[in-house]
Amino acid sequence: MSDPNPMNRPTPDPTRGNVPPPVEPPPGEPRKGANPIVWIVVLVALLALAWYFMSRRDTVEAPPEPTAPIGQADGTPDAEPAPERTTPRPATPAATPPRPDRDAAVLASVEPEYPVAAARARDTGTVLVRAQVDAEGMPTDVEVARSSRSRELDRAAVDAVKQWTFEPAIRDGKAVASTVQVPVEFTLSQQ
């Protein structure tokens, strides 16, 4: 029961102000400490400082070493210079390293013309074209590898690839004939 007399109430401690005493957590509950995010931030800051000081330590330049004038060593007077080599060295031919093997690649392409009939039918798609490329980089045999389901688009793609030029494939350092497959895309925004 509470005492109705206000004089019997305990007086607040003037050093503590009107702040109630800290509440202890009930037994069995863990005591709350610092937020783990604070610890992570502190750790990252320490790592950044360590990295900064370690990188600064590597960039310190050593003072240049004193060098003696040419022909002198340790400040001694000039000695007899060594005779110059008069016999020429045999010239070694500069061997060019072989070019690495690579497949043929498109060097210059011609944009295909969008067929009028395909544009009216609103046909779009991608034609995969297979081309035999000779050692000079010219397409010799061009055919449809995967159709776009439109004959007009397939024909336009084959006609365009026949006009392309390629970098020939390289095998053992020499240009060779090869086969490539190139996609030709048709969208209505092309017309």
C-alpha atoms as a PDB file:
ATOM      1  CA  MET A   1       0.000   0.000   0.000  1.00  0.00           C
ATOM      2  CA  SER A   2       1.128   3.482  -0.621  1.00  0.00           C
ATOM      3  CA  ASP A   3       1.592   5.959   2.115  1.00  0.00           C
ATOM      4  CA  PRO A   4      -0.764   8.916   1.686  1.00  0.00           C
ATOM      5  CA  ASN A   5       1.637  11.184   3.480  1.00  0.00           C
ATOM      6  CA  PRO A   6       3.960  12.867   0.936  1.00  0.00           C
ATOM      7  CA  MET A   7       6.543  13.428   3.651  1.00  0.00           C
ATOM      8  CA  ASN A   8       7.212   9.701   3.994  1.00  0.00           C
ATOM      9  CA  ARG A   9       8.182   9.300   0.305  1.00  0.00           C
ATOM     10  CA  PRO A  10      11.885   8.938  -0.463  1.00  0.00           C
ATOM     11  CA  THR A  11      13.444  12.111  -1.773  1.00  0.00           C
ATOM     12  CA  PRO A  12      15.167  11.982  -5.179  1.00  0.00           C
ATOM     13  CA  ASP A  13      18.952  12.028  -5.162  1.00  0.00           C
ATOM     14  CA  PRO A  14      20.092  15.516  -6.338  1.00  0.00           C
ATOM     15  CA  THR A  15      23.202  14.078  -8.012  1.00  0.00           C
ATOM     16  CA  ARG A  16      21.139  11.780 -10.139  1.00  0.00           C
ATOM     17  CA  GLY A  17      18.400  14.238 -10.990  1.00  0.00           C
ATOM     18  CA  ASN A  18      14.985  12.791 -11.688  1.00  0.00           C
ATOM     19  CA  VAL A  19      16.326   9.857 -13.667  1.00  0.00           C
ATOM     20  CA  PRO A  20      15.045   6.481 -12.486  1.00  0.00           C
ATOM     21  CA  PRO A  21      17.669   3.842 -11.671  1.00  0.00           C
ATOM     22  CA  PRO A  22      18.755   1.552 -14.534  1.00  0.00           C
ATOM     23  CA  VAL A  23      16.619  -1.492 -15.094  1.00  0.00           C
ATOM     24  CA  GLU A  24      18.443  -4.815 -14.957  1.00  0.00           C
ATOM     25  CA  PRO A  25      17.283  -7.399 -17.520  1.00  0.00           C
ATOM     26  CA  PRO A  26      15.407 -10.331 -16.063  1.00  0.00           C
ATOM     27  CA  PRO A  27      17.495 -13.444 -15.450  1.00  0.00           C
ATOM     28  CA  GLY A  28      17.838 -15.656 -18.516  1.00  0.00           C
ATOM     29  CA  GLU A  29      17.795 -12.766 -21.011  1.00  0.00           C
ATOM     30  CA  PRO A  30      21.102 -11.785 -22.594  1.00  0.00           C
ATOM     31  CA  ARG A  31      22.504  -8.434 -21.646  1.00  0.00           C
ATOM     32  CA  LYS A  32      22.351  -5.979 -24.535  1.00  0.00           C
ATOM     33  CA  GLY A  33      25.733  -4.770 -25.697  1.00  0.00           C
ATOM     34  CA  ALA A  34      26.917  -2.618 -28.567  1.00  0.00           C
ATOM     35  CA  ASN A  35      25.196  -3.019 -31.891  1.00  0.00           C
ATOM     36  CA  PRO A  36      27.057  -5.483 -34.214  1.00  0.00           C
ATOM     37  CA  ILE A  37      26.951  -2.912 -37.002  1.00  0.00           C
ATOM     38  CA  VAL A  38      29.085  -0.582 -34.870  1.00  0.00           C
ATOM     39  CA  TRP A  39      31.688  -3.340 -34.500  1.00  0.00           C
ATOM     40  CA  ILE A  40      31.685  -3.993 -38.238  1.00  0.00           C
ATOM     41  CA  VAL A  41      32.209  -0.288 -38.992  1.00  0.00           C
ATOM     42  CA  VAL A  42      35.069  -0.119 -36.491  1.00  0.00           C
ATOM     43  CA  LEU A  43      36.676  -3.210 -38.013  1.00  0.00           C
ATOM     44  CA  VAL A  44      36.404  -1.820 -41.574  1.00  0.00           C
ATOM     45  CA  ALA A  45      37.923   1.483 -40.428  1.00  0.00           C
ATOM     46  CA  LEU A  46      40.843  -0.333 -38.800  1.00  0.00           C
ATOM     47  CA  LEU A  47      41.443  -2.405 -41.922  1.00  0.00           C
ATOM     48  CA  ALA A  48      41.372   0.727 -44.087  1.00  0.00           C
ATOM     49  CA  LEU A  49      43.900   2.440 -41.834  1.00  0.00           C
ATOM     50  CA  ALA A  50      46.177  -0.603 -41.857  1.00  0.00           C
ATOM     51  CA  TRP A  51      45.990  -0.802 -45.659  1.00  0.00           C
ATOM     52  CA  TYR A  52      46.753   2.928 -45.969  1.00  0.00           C
ATOM     53  CA  PHE A  53      49.839   2.749 -43.771  1.00  0.00           C
ATOM     54  CA  MET A  54      51.076  -0.468 -45.389  1.00  0.00           C
ATOM     55  CA  SER A  55      50.773   1.042 -48.888  1.00  0.00           C
ATOM     56  CA  ARG A  56      52.560   4.216 -47.746  1.00  0.00           C
ATOM     57  CA  ARG A  57      55.428   2.139 -46.375  1.00  0.00           C
ATOM     58  CA  ASP A  58      56.002   0.498 -49.785  1.00  0.00           C
ATOM     59  CA  THR A  59      56.275   3.814 -51.625  1.00  0.00           C
ATOM     60  CA  VAL A  60      59.115   5.288 -49.568  1.00  0.00           C
ATOM     61  CA  GLU A  61      62.005   5.894 -51.938  1.00  0.00           C
ATOM     62  CA  ALA A  62      65.531   5.013 -50.960  1.00  0.00           C
ATOM     63  CA  PRO A  63      68.080   7.798 -51.340  1.00  0.00           C
ATOM     64  CA  PRO A  64      70.104   7.485 -54.539  1.00  0.00           C
ATOM     65  CA  GLU A  65      73.465   5.826 -54.153  1.00  0.00           C
ATOM     66  CA  PRO A  66      76.469   7.987 -54.963  1.00  0.00           C
ATOM     67  CA  THR A  67      78.030   7.020 -58.244  1.00  0.00           C
ATOM     68  CA  ALA A  68      81.639   7.366 -59.224  1.00  0.00           C
ATOM     69  CA  PRO A  69      82.526   9.058 -62.509  1.00  0.00           C
ATOM     70  CA  ILE A  70      82.921   6.785 -65.501  1.00  0.00           C
ATOM     71  CA  GLY A  71      86.278   5.060 -65.452  1.00  0.00           C
ATOM     72  CA  GLN A  72      86.734   5.552 -61.723  1.00  0.00           C
ATOM     73  CA  ALA A  73      85.837   3.229 -58.974  1.00  0.00           C
ATOM     74  CA  ASP A  74      85.949   4.260 -55.330  1.00  0.00           C
ATOM     75  CA  GLY A  75      87.543   7.593 -56.223  1.00  0.00           C
ATOM     76  CA  THR A  76      90.744   6.025 -57.576  1.00  0.00           C
ATOM     77  CA  PRO A  77      92.447   7.677 -60.550  1.00  0.00           C
ATOM     78  CA  ASP A  78      91.452   6.644 -64.058  1.00  0.00           C
ATOM     79  CA  ALA A  79      92.633   3.204 -64.996  1.00  0.00           C
ATOM     80  CA  GLU A  80      93.404   1.977 -68.509  1.00  0.00           C
ATOM     81  CA  PRO A  81      90.091   1.730 -70.348  1.00  0.00           C
ATOM     82  CA  ALA A  82      89.151  -1.718 -71.522  1.00  0.00           C
ATOM     83  CA  PRO A  83      89.756  -2.215 -75.231  1.00  0.00           C
ATOM     84  CA  GLU A  84      86.611  -1.904 -77.314  1.00  0.00           C
ATOM     85  CA  ARG A  85      85.277  -4.977 -78.979  1.00  0.00           C
ATOM     86  CA  THR A  86      85.926  -4.698 -82.678  1.00  0.00           C
ATOM     87  CA  THR A  87      84.653  -8.052 -83.840  1.00  0.00           C
ATOM     88  CA  PRO A  88      81.076  -7.689 -84.986  1.00  0.00           C
ATOM     89  CA  ARG A  89      78.513 -10.039 -83.569  1.00  0.00           C
ATOM     90  CA  PRO A  90      76.715 -12.201 -86.069  1.00  0.00           C
ATOM     91  CA  ALA A  91      73.313 -10.796 -86.896  1.00  0.00           C
ATOM     92  CA  THR A  92      70.498 -13.016 -85.750  1.00  0.00           C
ATOM     93  CA  PRO A  93      67.420 -12.805 -87.885  1.00  0.00           C
ATOM     94  CA  ALA A  94      64.455 -11.483 -85.969  1.00  0.00           C
ATOM     95  CA  ALA A  95      62.120 -14.414 -85.850  1.00  0.00           C
ATOM     96  CA  THR A  96      58.529 -13.298 -86.065  1.00  0.00           C
ATOM     97  CA  PRO A  97      56.416 -15.293 -83.709  1.00  0.00           C
ATOM     98  CA  PRO A  98      53.683 -17.251 -85.443  1.00  0.00           C
ATOM     99  CA  ARG A  99      50.292 -15.654 -85.312  1.00  0.00           C
ATOM    100  CA  PRO A 100      47.969 -17.412 -82.892  1.00  0.00           C
ATOM    101  CA  ASP A 101      45.257 -19.598 -84.309  1.00  0.00           C
ATOM    102  CA  ARG A 102      41.873 -17.931 -84.608  1.00  0.00           C
ATOM    103  CA  ASP A 103      38.569 -18.408 -86.378  1.00  0.00           C
ATOM    104  CA  ALA A 104      37.315 -16.261 -89.216  1.00  0.00           C
ATOM    105  CA  ALA A 105      35.658 -13.017 -88.167  1.00  0.00           C
ATOM    106  CA  VAL A 106      33.491 -10.425 -89.907  1.00  0.00           C
ATOM    107  CA  LEU A 107      35.624  -7.560 -91.220  1.00  0.00           C
ATOM    108  CA  ALA A 108      33.004  -5.519 -93.102  1.00  0.00           C
ATOM    109  CA  SER A 109      29.298  -6.193 -93.327  1.00  0.00           C
ATOM    110  CA  VAL A 110      26.565  -4.881 -95.592  1.00  0.00           C
ATOM    111  CA  GLU A 111      23.241  -4.096 -93.962  1.00  0.00           C
ATOM    112  CA  PRO A 112      20.538  -6.324 -95.501  1.00  0.00           C
ATOM    113  CA  GLU A 113      17.635  -4.669 -97.288  1.00  0.00           C
ATOM    114  CA  TYR A 114      14.319  -5.324 -95.567  1.00  0.00           C
ATOM    115  CA  PRO A 115      12.079  -7.012 -98.148  1.00  0.00           C
ATOM    116  CA  VAL A 116       8.904  -5.045 -98.885  1.00  0.00           C
ATOM    117  CA  ALA A 117       6.702  -8.149 -98.695  1.00  0.00           C
ATOM    118  CA  ALA A 118       8.162  -9.070 -95.293  1.00  0.00           C
ATOM    119  CA  ALA A 119       7.620  -5.518 -94.033  1.00  0.00           C
ATOM    120  CA  ARG A 120       3.975  -5.587 -95.142  1.00  0.00           C
ATOM    121  CA  ALA A 121       3.488  -8.919 -93.409  1.00  0.00           C
ATOM    122  CA  ARG A 122       5.324  -7.448 -90.363  1.00  0.00           C
ATOM    123  CA  ASP A 123       7.769 -10.367 -90.410  1.00  0.00           C
ATOM    124  CA  THR A 124      10.726 -10.113 -88.023  1.00  0.00           C
ATOM    125  CA  GLY A 125      13.340 -12.558 -86.838  1.00  0.00           C
ATOM    126  CA  THR A 126      16.931 -13.679 -86.960  1.00  0.00           C
ATOM    127  CA  VAL A 127      18.440 -15.728 -89.762  1.00  0.00           C
ATOM    128  CA  LEU A 128      21.515 -17.797 -88.940  1.00  0.00           C
ATOM    129  CA  VAL A 129      23.646 -17.852 -92.087  1.00  0.00           C
ATOM    130  CA  ARG A 130      26.461 -20.372 -92.717  1.00  0.00           C
ATOM    131  CA  ALA A 131      29.244 -19.173 -95.030  1.00  0.00           C
ATOM    132  CA  GLN A 132      32.366 -20.843 -96.370  1.00  0.00           C
ATOM    133  CA  VAL A 133      35.174 -18.265 -96.147  1.00  0.00           C
ATOM    134  CA  ASP A 134      38.259 -18.734 -98.327  1.00  0.00           C
ATOM    135  CA  ALA A 135      41.848 -17.896 -97.343  1.00  0.00           C
ATOM    136  CA  GLU A 136      41.417 -14.350 -98.720  1.00  0.00           C
ATOM    137  CA  GLY A 137      38.366 -13.689 -96.512  1.00  0.00           C
ATOM    138  CA  MET A 138      35.709 -13.838 -99.222  1.00  0.00           C
ATOM    139  CA  PRO A 139      32.508 -15.858 -98.732  1.00  0.00           C
ATOM    140  CA  THR A 140      32.224 -18.645-101.313  1.00  0.00           C
ATOM    141  CA  ASP A 141      29.219 -20.751-100.355  1.00  0.00           C
ATOM    142  CA  VAL A 142      26.458 -19.017 -98.385  1.00  0.00           C
ATOM    143  CA  GLU A 143      23.328 -20.774 -97.115  1.00  0.00           C
ATOM    144  CA  VAL A 144      20.702 -20.570 -94.383  1.00  0.00           C
ATOM    145  CA  ALA A 145      21.665 -22.587 -91.291  1.00  0.00           C
ATOM    146  CA  ARG A 146      18.518 -21.666 -89.308  1.00  0.00           C
ATOM    147  CA  SER A 147      15.530 -19.967 -90.888  1.00  0.00           C
ATOM    148  CA  SER A 148      13.570 -17.022 -89.546  1.00  0.00           C
ATOM    149  CA  ARG A 149      10.381 -18.689 -90.880  1.00  0.00           C
ATOM    150  CA  SER A 150      10.152 -16.056 -93.627  1.00  0.00           C
ATOM    151  CA  ARG A 151      11.512 -16.842 -97.092  1.00  0.00           C
ATOM    152  CA  GLU A 152      11.953 -13.170 -97.906  1.00  0.00           C
ATOM    153  CA  LEU A 153      14.049 -12.512 -94.790  1.00  0.00           C
ATOM    154  CA  ASP A 154      16.142 -15.651 -95.410  1.00  0.00           C
ATOM    155  CA  ARG A 155      16.899 -14.577 -99.009  1.00  0.00           C
ATOM    156  CA  ALA A 156      17.762 -11.016 -97.949  1.00  0.00           C
ATOM    157  CA  ALA A 157      20.147 -12.328 -95.283  1.00  0.00           C
ATOM    158  CA  VAL A 158      21.943 -14.654 -97.734  1.00  0.00           C
ATOM    159  CA  ASP A 159      22.236 -11.839-100.316  1.00  0.00           C
ATOM    160  CA  ALA A 160      23.732  -9.501 -97.695  1.00  0.00           C
ATOM    161  CA  VAL A 161      26.277 -12.030 -96.346  1.00  0.00           C
ATOM    162  CA  LYS A 162      27.498 -12.747 -99.895  1.00  0.00           C
ATOM    163  CA  GLN A 163      28.708  -9.109 -99.971  1.00  0.00           C
ATOM    164  CA  TRP A 164      30.531  -9.248 -96.614  1.00  0.00           C
ATOM    165  CA  THR A 165      34.294  -9.555 -96.178  1.00  0.00           C
ATOM    166  CA  PHE A 166      35.918 -11.590 -93.440  1.00  0.00           C
ATOM    167  CA  GLU A 167      39.266 -11.919 -91.732  1.00  0.00           C
ATOM    168  CA  PRO A 168      40.277 -15.452 -92.716  1.00  0.00           C
ATOM    169  CA  ALA A 169      40.876 -18.103 -90.107  1.00  0.00           C
ATOM    170  CA  ILE A 170      44.500 -18.645 -89.035  1.00  0.00           C
ATOM    171  CA  ARG A 171      45.920 -22.139 -88.465  1.00  0.00           C
ATOM    172  CA  ASP A 172      49.623 -22.691 -87.789  1.00  0.00           C
ATOM    173  CA  GLY A 173      50.311 -19.083 -88.745  1.00  0.00           C
ATOM    174  CA  LYS A 174      48.664 -19.311 -92.179  1.00  0.00           C
ATOM    175  CA  ALA A 175      45.329 -18.092 -93.511  1.00  0.00           C
ATOM    176  CA  VAL A 176      43.039 -21.016 -94.305  1.00  0.00           C
ATOM    177  CA  ALA A 177      39.507 -21.539 -95.563  1.00  0.00           C
ATOM    178  CA  SER A 178      36.887 -22.143 -92.905  1.00  0.00           C
ATOM    179  CA  THR A 179      33.175 -22.078 -92.156  1.00  0.00           C
ATOM    180  CA  VAL A 180      31.425 -19.428 -90.073  1.00  0.00           C
ATOM    181  CA  GLN A 181      27.884 -18.933 -88.889  1.00  0.00           C
ATOM    182  CA  VAL A 182      26.637 -15.367 -88.502  1.00  0.00           C
ATOM    183  CA  PRO A 183      23.265 -14.120 -87.285  1.00  0.00           C
ATOM    184  CA  VAL A 184      21.409 -11.541 -89.365  1.00  0.00           C
ATOM    185  CA  GLU A 185      18.624  -9.836 -87.436  1.00  0.00           C
ATOM    186  CA  PHE A 186      15.566  -8.204 -88.945  1.00  0.00           C
ATOM    187  CA  THR A 187      13.415  -5.791 -86.915  1.00  0.00           C
ATOM    188  CA  LEU A 188      10.696  -3.487 -88.159  1.00  0.00           C
ATOM    189  CA  SER A 189      12.666  -0.464 -86.924  1.00  0.00           C
ATOM    190  CA  GLN A 190      15.251  -1.212 -89.676  1.00  0.00           C
ATOM    191  CA  GLN A 191      13.029  -0.370 -92.616  1.00  0.00           C
END
